[in-house]
Amino acid sequence: MKRPTANYRERITSDPAVMVGKPVIRGTRIPVERIVGHLAQNPDLDDLFGAYPELTLEDVKAALAYAQAAIERGPSRRRRALEAALSKAG
């Protein structure tokens, strides 16, 4: 399968002062998770762009590329540590 061509690092940013550090589209307060969630519920791009008119197709591609990269990386260290602690407690 071909790798996504969108370089999400140019379009996705994470800043603790913006949306509590969640990854967002640069220059907006639109979290990647909101874009992915919207598309999961309704994969109609016209509907997405109607809800978030400041988004571009390149922003959406970057959000999806970011989500793919996050899945490929697997769980974060913090999550693995939490899961380990919960399994010991239970």
PDB file of N, CA and C in Angstrom:
ATOM      1  N   MET A   1       0.843  -1.178   0.000  1.00  0.00           N
ATOM      2  CA  MET A   1       0.000   0.000   0.000  1.00  0.00           C
ATOM      3  C   MET A   1       0.883   1.234   0.000  1.00  0.00           C
ATOM      4  N   LYS A   2       0.505   2.203  -0.776  1.00  0.00           N
ATOM      5  CA  LYS A   2       1.288   3.426  -0.898  1.00  0.00           C
ATOM      6  C   LYS A   2       1.159   4.287   0.361  1.00  0.00           C
ATOM      7  N   ARG A   3       2.258   4.847   0.801  1.00  0.00           N
ATOM      8  CA  ARG A   3       2.267   5.718   1.986  1.00  0.00           C
ATOM      9  C   ARG A   3       1.548   7.024   1.663  1.00  0.00           C
ATOM     10  N   PRO A   4       0.882   7.616   2.643  1.00  0.00           N
ATOM     11  CA  PRO A   4       0.221   8.898   2.407  1.00  0.00           C
ATOM     12  C   PRO A   4       1.240   9.954   1.983  1.00  0.00           C
ATOM     13  N   THR A   5       0.853  10.764   0.998  1.00  0.00           N
ATOM     14  CA  THR A   5       1.779  11.778   0.509  1.00  0.00           C
ATOM     15  C   THR A   5       1.714  13.061   1.331  1.00  0.00           C
ATOM     16  N   ALA A   6       0.623  13.241   2.063  1.00  0.00           N
ATOM     17  CA  ALA A   6       0.489  14.461   2.859  1.00  0.00           C
ATOM     18  C   ALA A   6       1.528  14.464   3.977  1.00  0.00           C
ATOM     19  N   ASN A   7       2.301  15.526   4.061  1.00  0.00           N
ATOM     20  CA  ASN A   7       3.257  15.655   5.154  1.00  0.00           C
ATOM     21  C   ASN A   7       2.532  16.329   6.312  1.00  0.00           C
ATOM     22  N   TYR A   8       2.001  15.521   7.208  1.00  0.00           N
ATOM     23  CA  TYR A   8       1.170  16.072   8.274  1.00  0.00           C
ATOM     24  C   TYR A   8       1.945  16.968   9.216  1.00  0.00           C
ATOM     25  N   ARG A   9       3.240  16.817   9.297  1.00  0.00           N
ATOM     26  CA  ARG A   9       4.023  17.630  10.233  1.00  0.00           C
ATOM     27  C   ARG A   9       3.962  19.115   9.898  1.00  0.00           C
ATOM     28  N   GLU A  10       3.688  19.448   8.662  1.00  0.00           N
ATOM     29  CA  GLU A  10       3.568  20.853   8.265  1.00  0.00           C
ATOM     30  C   GLU A  10       2.206  21.433   8.620  1.00  0.00           C
ATOM     31  N   ARG A  11       1.201  20.575   8.792  1.00  0.00           N
ATOM     32  CA  ARG A  11      -0.160  21.039   9.010  1.00  0.00           C
ATOM     33  C   ARG A  11      -0.721  20.741  10.389  1.00  0.00           C
ATOM     34  N   ILE A  12      -0.116  19.796  11.101  1.00  0.00           N
ATOM     35  CA  ILE A  12      -0.615  19.403  12.421  1.00  0.00           C
ATOM     36  C   ILE A  12       0.344  19.936  13.479  1.00  0.00           C
ATOM     37  N   THR A  13      -0.223  20.525  14.508  1.00  0.00           N
ATOM     38  CA  THR A  13       0.594  21.058  15.590  1.00  0.00           C
ATOM     39  C   THR A  13      -0.015  20.650  16.930  1.00  0.00           C
ATOM     40  N   SER A  14       0.810  20.659  17.946  1.00  0.00           N
ATOM     41  CA  SER A  14       0.354  20.354  19.293  1.00  0.00           C
ATOM     42  C   SER A  14       0.995  21.353  20.247  1.00  0.00           C
ATOM     43  N   ASP A  15       0.161  22.084  20.964  1.00  0.00           N
ATOM     44  CA  ASP A  15       0.628  23.127  21.870  1.00  0.00           C
ATOM     45  C   ASP A  15      -0.222  23.045  23.138  1.00  0.00           C
ATOM     46  N   PRO A  16       0.386  22.922  24.303  1.00  0.00           N
ATOM     47  CA  PRO A  16      -0.401  22.824  25.542  1.00  0.00           C
ATOM     48  C   PRO A  16      -1.369  23.993  25.742  1.00  0.00           C
ATOM     49  N   ALA A  17      -1.098  25.132  25.122  1.00  0.00           N
ATOM     50  CA  ALA A  17      -1.971  26.293  25.266  1.00  0.00           C
ATOM     51  C   ALA A  17      -3.158  26.264  24.301  1.00  0.00           C
ATOM     52  N   VAL A  18      -3.171  25.300  23.382  1.00  0.00           N
ATOM     53  CA  VAL A  18      -4.260  25.197  22.399  1.00  0.00           C
ATOM     54  C   VAL A  18      -4.914  23.829  22.537  1.00  0.00           C
ATOM     55  N   MET A  19      -6.173  23.815  22.911  1.00  0.00           N
ATOM     56  CA  MET A  19      -6.952  22.582  23.042  1.00  0.00           C
ATOM     57  C   MET A  19      -6.238  21.554  23.935  1.00  0.00           C
ATOM     58  N   VAL A  20      -5.633  22.031  25.004  1.00  0.00           N
ATOM     59  CA  VAL A  20      -4.972  21.205  26.009  1.00  0.00           C
ATOM     60  C   VAL A  20      -3.894  20.302  25.387  1.00  0.00           C
ATOM     61  N   GLY A  21      -3.265  20.786  24.336  1.00  0.00           N
ATOM     62  CA  GLY A  21      -2.174  20.049  23.731  1.00  0.00           C
ATOM     63  C   GLY A  21      -2.571  18.986  22.728  1.00  0.00           C
ATOM     64  N   LYS A  22      -3.869  18.863  22.449  1.00  0.00           N
ATOM     65  CA  LYS A  22      -4.297  17.888  21.447  1.00  0.00           C
ATOM     66  C   LYS A  22      -3.755  18.307  20.082  1.00  0.00           C
ATOM     67  N   PRO A  23      -3.459  17.352  19.208  1.00  0.00           N
ATOM     68  CA  PRO A  23      -3.020  17.716  17.866  1.00  0.00           C
ATOM     69  C   PRO A  23      -4.171  18.390  17.104  1.00  0.00           C
ATOM     70  N   VAL A  24      -3.872  19.555  16.547  1.00  0.00           N
ATOM     71  CA  VAL A  24      -4.866  20.341  15.813  1.00  0.00           C
ATOM     72  C   VAL A  24      -4.307  20.741  14.455  1.00  0.00           C
ATOM     73  N   ILE A  25      -5.203  21.178  13.577  1.00  0.00           N
ATOM     74  CA  ILE A  25      -4.776  21.744  12.309  1.00  0.00           C
ATOM     75  C   ILE A  25      -4.134  23.095  12.617  1.00  0.00           C
ATOM     76  N   ARG A  26      -2.936  23.304  12.113  1.00  0.00           N
ATOM     77  CA  ARG A  26      -2.176  24.532  12.380  1.00  0.00           C
ATOM     78  C   ARG A  26      -3.030  25.768  12.063  1.00  0.00           C
ATOM     79  N   GLY A  27      -3.015  26.715  12.984  1.00  0.00           N
ATOM     80  CA  GLY A  27      -3.745  27.965  12.804  1.00  0.00           C
ATOM     81  C   GLY A  27      -5.221  27.884  13.146  1.00  0.00           C
ATOM     82  N   THR A  28      -5.671  26.714  13.631  1.00  0.00           N
ATOM     83  CA  THR A  28      -7.075  26.549  14.023  1.00  0.00           C
ATOM     84  C   THR A  28      -7.128  25.924  15.410  1.00  0.00           C
ATOM     85  N   ARG A  29      -8.329  25.734  15.878  1.00  0.00           N
ATOM     86  CA  ARG A  29      -8.549  24.987  17.118  1.00  0.00           C
ATOM     87  C   ARG A  29      -9.333  23.714  16.806  1.00  0.00           C
ATOM     88  N   ILE A  30      -9.133  23.188  15.598  1.00  0.00           N
ATOM     89  CA  ILE A  30      -9.844  21.988  15.163  1.00  0.00           C
ATOM     90  C   ILE A  30      -8.944  20.769  15.409  1.00  0.00           C
ATOM     91  N   PRO A  31      -9.301  19.932  16.393  1.00  0.00           N
ATOM     92  CA  PRO A  31      -8.480  18.770  16.693  1.00  0.00           C
ATOM     93  C   PRO A  31      -8.563  17.701  15.600  1.00  0.00           C
ATOM     94  N   VAL A  32      -7.471  17.004  15.413  1.00  0.00           N
ATOM     95  CA  VAL A  32      -7.429  15.894  14.462  1.00  0.00           C
ATOM     96  C   VAL A  32      -8.518  14.882  14.813  1.00  0.00           C
ATOM     97  N   GLU A  33      -8.688  14.599  16.096  1.00  0.00           N
ATOM     98  CA  GLU A  33      -9.680  13.608  16.501  1.00  0.00           C
ATOM     99  C   GLU A  33     -11.089  14.009  16.074  1.00  0.00           C
ATOM    100  N   ARG A  34     -11.398  15.302  16.028  1.00  0.00           N
ATOM    101  CA  ARG A  34     -12.717  15.749  15.598  1.00  0.00           C
ATOM    102  C   ARG A  34     -12.918  15.488  14.108  1.00  0.00           C
ATOM    103  N   ILE A  35     -11.871  15.716  13.321  1.00  0.00           N
ATOM    104  CA  ILE A  35     -11.961  15.469  11.880  1.00  0.00           C
ATOM    105  C   ILE A  35     -12.162  13.982  11.616  1.00  0.00           C
ATOM    106  N   VAL A  36     -11.332  13.155  12.250  1.00  0.00           N
ATOM    107  CA  VAL A  36     -11.427  11.705  12.052  1.00  0.00           C
ATOM    108  C   VAL A  36     -12.784  11.195  12.548  1.00  0.00           C
ATOM    109  N   GLY A  37     -13.214  11.676  13.692  1.00  0.00           N
ATOM    110  CA  GLY A  37     -14.509  11.265  14.230  1.00  0.00           C
ATOM    111  C   GLY A  37     -15.661  11.663  13.328  1.00  0.00           C
ATOM    112  N   HIS A  38     -15.606  12.873  12.796  1.00  0.00           N
ATOM    113  CA  HIS A  38     -16.652  13.349  11.888  1.00  0.00           C
ATOM    114  C   HIS A  38     -16.724  12.440  10.657  1.00  0.00           C
ATOM    115  N   LEU A  39     -15.562  12.145  10.086  1.00  0.00           N
ATOM    116  CA  LEU A  39     -15.524  11.292   8.898  1.00  0.00           C
ATOM    117  C   LEU A  39     -15.947   9.858   9.211  1.00  0.00           C
ATOM    118  N   ALA A  40     -15.678   9.389  10.411  1.00  0.00           N
ATOM    119  CA  ALA A  40     -16.105   8.043  10.790  1.00  0.00           C
ATOM    120  C   ALA A  40     -17.628   7.952  10.857  1.00  0.00           C
ATOM    121  N   GLN A  41     -18.256   9.018  11.315  1.00  0.00           N
ATOM    122  CA  GLN A  41     -19.713   9.045  11.413  1.00  0.00           C
ATOM    123  C   GLN A  41     -20.383   9.331  10.072  1.00  0.00           C
ATOM    124  N   ASN A  42     -19.726  10.181   9.270  1.00  0.00           N
ATOM    125  CA  ASN A  42     -20.298  10.585   7.992  1.00  0.00           C
ATOM    126  C   ASN A  42     -19.157  10.919   7.038  1.00  0.00           C
ATOM    127  N   PRO A  43     -18.788   9.989   6.161  1.00  0.00           N
ATOM    128  CA  PRO A  43     -17.627  10.211   5.293  1.00  0.00           C
ATOM    129  C   PRO A  43     -17.880  11.152   4.121  1.00  0.00           C
ATOM    130  N   ASP A  44     -18.807  12.085   4.278  1.00  0.00           N
ATOM    131  CA  ASP A  44     -19.119  13.062   3.239  1.00  0.00           C
ATOM    132  C   ASP A  44     -18.259  14.311   3.457  1.00  0.00           C
ATOM    133  N   LEU A  45     -17.307  14.547   2.544  1.00  0.00           N
ATOM    134  CA  LEU A  45     -16.416  15.702   2.696  1.00  0.00           C
ATOM    135  C   LEU A  45     -17.176  17.019   2.625  1.00  0.00           C
ATOM    136  N   ASP A  46     -18.222  17.086   1.817  1.00  0.00           N
ATOM    137  CA  ASP A  46     -19.002  18.323   1.747  1.00  0.00           C
ATOM    138  C   ASP A  46     -19.608  18.661   3.105  1.00  0.00           C
ATOM    139  N   ASP A  47     -20.070  17.645   3.817  1.00  0.00           N
ATOM    140  CA  ASP A  47     -20.618  17.862   5.151  1.00  0.00           C
ATOM    141  C   ASP A  47     -19.521  18.333   6.112  1.00  0.00           C
ATOM    142  N   LEU A  48     -18.341  17.715   6.028  1.00  0.00           N
ATOM    143  CA  LEU A  48     -17.219  18.120   6.878  1.00  0.00           C
ATOM    144  C   LEU A  48     -16.834  19.570   6.602  1.00  0.00           C
ATOM    145  N   PHE A  49     -16.715  19.930   5.335  1.00  0.00           N
ATOM    146  CA  PHE A  49     -16.337  21.300   4.985  1.00  0.00           C
ATOM    147  C   PHE A  49     -17.453  22.298   5.321  1.00  0.00           C
ATOM    148  N   GLY A  50     -18.685  21.838   5.338  1.00  0.00           N
ATOM    149  CA  GLY A  50     -19.792  22.694   5.772  1.00  0.00           C
ATOM    150  C   GLY A  50     -19.701  22.989   7.258  1.00  0.00           C
ATOM    151  N   ALA A  51     -19.294  21.974   8.028  1.00  0.00           N
ATOM    152  CA  ALA A  51     -19.165  22.137   9.481  1.00  0.00           C
ATOM    153  C   ALA A  51     -17.916  22.935   9.841  1.00  0.00           C
ATOM    154  N   TYR A  52     -16.855  22.775   9.045  1.00  0.00           N
ATOM    155  CA  TYR A  52     -15.576  23.440   9.316  1.00  0.00           C
ATOM    156  C   TYR A  52     -15.069  24.085   8.021  1.00  0.00           C
ATOM    157  N   PRO A  53     -15.647  25.218   7.639  1.00  0.00           N
ATOM    158  CA  PRO A  53     -15.309  25.818   6.339  1.00  0.00           C
ATOM    159  C   PRO A  53     -13.853  26.260   6.207  1.00  0.00           C
ATOM    160  N   GLU A  54     -13.145  26.408   7.308  1.00  0.00           N
ATOM    161  CA  GLU A  54     -11.748  26.822   7.221  1.00  0.00           C
ATOM    162  C   GLU A  54     -10.816  25.670   6.850  1.00  0.00           C
ATOM    163  N   LEU A  55     -11.317  24.438   6.901  1.00  0.00           N
ATOM    164  CA  LEU A  55     -10.506  23.277   6.524  1.00  0.00           C
ATOM    165  C   LEU A  55     -10.307  23.209   5.017  1.00  0.00           C
ATOM    166  N   THR A  56      -9.166  22.638   4.637  1.00  0.00           N
ATOM    167  CA  THR A  56      -8.896  22.366   3.229  1.00  0.00           C
ATOM    168  C   THR A  56      -8.767  20.856   3.050  1.00  0.00           C
ATOM    169  N   LEU A  57      -8.784  20.427   1.823  1.00  0.00           N
ATOM    170  CA  LEU A  57      -8.592  19.015   1.547  1.00  0.00           C
ATOM    171  C   LEU A  57      -7.218  18.557   2.042  1.00  0.00           C
ATOM    172  N   GLU A  58      -6.220  19.405   1.909  1.00  0.00           N
ATOM    173  CA  GLU A  58      -4.877  19.067   2.396  1.00  0.00           C
ATOM    174  C   GLU A  58      -4.867  18.919   3.915  1.00  0.00           C
ATOM    175  N   ASP A  59      -5.658  19.728   4.619  1.00  0.00           N
ATOM    176  CA  ASP A  59      -5.771  19.581   6.077  1.00  0.00           C
ATOM    177  C   ASP A  59      -6.351  18.217   6.438  1.00  0.00           C
ATOM    178  N   VAL A  60      -7.378  17.801   5.714  1.00  0.00           N
ATOM    179  CA  VAL A  60      -8.024  16.514   5.983  1.00  0.00           C
ATOM    180  C   VAL A  60      -7.053  15.379   5.697  1.00  0.00           C
ATOM    181  N   LYS A  61      -6.335  15.464   4.595  1.00  0.00           N
ATOM    182  CA  LYS A  61      -5.334  14.439   4.278  1.00  0.00           C
ATOM    183  C   LYS A  61      -4.274  14.372   5.368  1.00  0.00           C
ATOM    184  N   ALA A  62      -3.852  15.525   5.863  1.00  0.00           N
ATOM    185  CA  ALA A  62      -2.849  15.562   6.927  1.00  0.00           C
ATOM    186  C   ALA A  62      -3.398  14.934   8.207  1.00  0.00           C
ATOM    187  N   ALA A  63      -4.654  15.214   8.537  1.00  0.00           N
ATOM    188  CA  ALA A  63      -5.265  14.641   9.737  1.00  0.00           C
ATOM    189  C   ALA A  63      -5.324  13.120   9.633  1.00  0.00           C
ATOM    190  N   LEU A  64      -5.696  12.629   8.463  1.00  0.00           N
ATOM    191  CA  LEU A  64      -5.763  11.179   8.269  1.00  0.00           C
ATOM    192  C   LEU A  64      -4.376  10.548   8.294  1.00  0.00           C
ATOM    193  N   ALA A  65      -3.390  11.227   7.714  1.00  0.00           N
ATOM    194  CA  ALA A  65      -2.012  10.720   7.751  1.00  0.00           C
ATOM    195  C   ALA A  65      -1.499  10.693   9.179  1.00  0.00           C
ATOM    196  N   TYR A  66      -1.826  11.718   9.965  1.00  0.00           N
ATOM    197  CA  TYR A  66      -1.432  11.758  11.373  1.00  0.00           C
ATOM    198  C   TYR A  66      -2.060  10.586  12.129  1.00  0.00           C
ATOM    199  N   ALA A  67      -3.358  10.354  11.894  1.00  0.00           N
ATOM    200  CA  ALA A  67      -4.052   9.259  12.568  1.00  0.00           C
ATOM    201  C   ALA A  67      -3.428   7.916  12.184  1.00  0.00           C
ATOM    202  N   GLN A  68      -3.103   7.743  10.910  1.00  0.00           N
ATOM    203  CA  GLN A  68      -2.479   6.503  10.471  1.00  0.00           C
ATOM    204  C   GLN A  68      -1.128   6.305  11.159  1.00  0.00           C
ATOM    205  N   ALA A  69      -0.331   7.362  11.215  1.00  0.00           N
ATOM    206  CA  ALA A  69       0.984   7.269  11.856  1.00  0.00           C
ATOM    207  C   ALA A  69       0.840   6.942  13.341  1.00  0.00           C
ATOM    208  N   ALA A  70      -0.153   7.519  13.989  1.00  0.00           N
ATOM    209  CA  ALA A  70      -0.380   7.253  15.415  1.00  0.00           C
ATOM    210  C   ALA A  70      -0.751   5.794  15.641  1.00  0.00           C
ATOM    211  N   ILE A  71      -1.549   5.237  14.755  1.00  0.00           N
ATOM    212  CA  ILE A  71      -1.938   3.834  14.878  1.00  0.00           C
ATOM    213  C   ILE A  71      -0.728   2.938  14.641  1.00  0.00           C
ATOM    214  N   GLU A  72       0.074   3.280  13.649  1.00  0.00           N
ATOM    215  CA  GLU A  72       1.256   2.480  13.350  1.00  0.00           C
ATOM    216  C   GLU A  72       2.268   2.503  14.492  1.00  0.00           C
ATOM    217  N   ARG A  73       2.354   3.642  15.206  1.00  0.00           N
ATOM    218  CA  ARG A  73       3.277   3.745  16.341  1.00  0.00           C
ATOM    219  C   ARG A  73       2.828   2.876  17.495  1.00  0.00           C
ATOM    220  N   GLY A  74       1.545   2.639  17.620  1.00  0.00           N
ATOM    221  CA  GLY A  74       1.026   1.835  18.724  1.00  0.00           C
ATOM    222  C   GLY A  74       0.795   2.689  19.952  1.00  0.00           C
ATOM    223  N   PRO A  75       0.452   2.035  21.053  1.00  0.00           N
ATOM    224  CA  PRO A  75       0.142   2.773  22.276  1.00  0.00           C
ATOM    225  C   PRO A  75       1.355   3.556  22.797  1.00  0.00           C
ATOM    226  N   SER A  76       1.072   4.668  23.408  1.00  0.00           N
ATOM    227  CA  SER A  76       2.140   5.491  23.973  1.00  0.00           C
ATOM    228  C   SER A  76       2.711   4.827  25.222  1.00  0.00           C
ATOM    229  N   ARG A  77       3.875   5.285  25.627  1.00  0.00           N
ATOM    230  CA  ARG A  77       4.496   4.749  26.846  1.00  0.00           C
ATOM    231  C   ARG A  77       3.598   4.970  28.050  1.00  0.00           C
ATOM    232  N   ARG A  78       2.996   6.157  28.111  1.00  0.00           N
ATOM    233  CA  ARG A  78       2.133   6.467  29.242  1.00  0.00           C
ATOM    234  C   ARG A  78       0.952   5.503  29.297  1.00  0.00           C
ATOM    235  N   ARG A  79       0.372   5.219  28.138  1.00  0.00           N
ATOM    236  CA  ARG A  79      -0.763   4.308  28.102  1.00  0.00           C
ATOM    237  C   ARG A  79      -0.332   2.893  28.485  1.00  0.00           C
ATOM    238  N   ARG A  80       0.813   2.459  27.985  1.00  0.00           N
ATOM    239  CA  ARG A  80       1.314   1.123  28.339  1.00  0.00           C
ATOM    240  C   ARG A  80       1.572   1.031  29.840  1.00  0.00           C
ATOM    241  N   ALA A  81       2.123   2.093  30.431  1.00  0.00           N
ATOM    242  CA  ALA A  81       2.384   2.103  31.870  1.00  0.00           C
ATOM    243  C   ALA A  81       1.068   2.041  32.650  1.00  0.00           C
ATOM    244  N   LEU A  82       0.065   2.783  32.186  1.00  0.00           N
ATOM    245  CA  LEU A  82      -1.240   2.769  32.835  1.00  0.00           C
ATOM    246  C   LEU A  82      -1.870   1.385  32.730  1.00  0.00           C
ATOM    247  N   GLU A  83      -1.813   0.788  31.546  1.00  0.00           N
ATOM    248  CA  GLU A  83      -2.362  -0.549  31.368  1.00  0.00           C
ATOM    249  C   GLU A  83      -1.655  -1.561  32.253  1.00  0.00           C
ATOM    250  N   ALA A  84      -0.328  -1.443  32.377  1.00  0.00           N
ATOM    251  CA  ALA A  84       0.428  -2.349  33.242  1.00  0.00           C
ATOM    252  C   ALA A  84       0.016  -2.181  34.697  1.00  0.00           C
ATOM    253  N   ALA A  85      -0.125  -0.934  35.129  1.00  0.00           N
ATOM    254  CA  ALA A  85      -0.535  -0.676  36.511  1.00  0.00           C
ATOM    255  C   ALA A  85      -1.934  -1.211  36.776  1.00  0.00           C
ATOM    256  N   LEU A  86      -2.842  -1.057  35.814  1.00  0.00           N
ATOM    257  CA  LEU A  86      -4.207  -1.551  35.991  1.00  0.00           C
ATOM    258  C   LEU A  86      -4.235  -3.075  36.032  1.00  0.00           C
ATOM    259  N   SER A  87      -3.411  -3.708  35.220  1.00  0.00           N
ATOM    260  CA  SER A  87      -3.412  -5.178  35.226  1.00  0.00           C
ATOM    261  C   SER A  87      -2.856  -5.720  36.539  1.00  0.00           C
ATOM    262  N   LYS A  88      -1.894  -5.007  37.139  1.00  0.00           N
ATOM    263  CA  LYS A  88      -1.364  -5.434  38.442  1.00  0.00           C
ATOM    264  C   LYS A  88      -2.394  -5.248  39.544  1.00  0.00           C
ATOM    265  N   ALA A  89      -3.191  -4.166  39.441  1.00  0.00           N
ATOM    266  CA  ALA A  89      -4.186  -3.871  40.473  1.00  0.00           C
ATOM    267  C   ALA A  89      -5.374  -4.802  40.398  1.00  0.00           C
ATOM    268  N   GLY A  90      -5.672  -5.316  39.204  1.00  0.00           N
ATOM    269  CA  GLY A  90      -6.879  -6.122  39.036  1.00  0.00           C
ATOM    270  C   GLY A  90      -6.608  -7.533  38.962  1.00  0.00           C
TER     271      GLY A  90
END
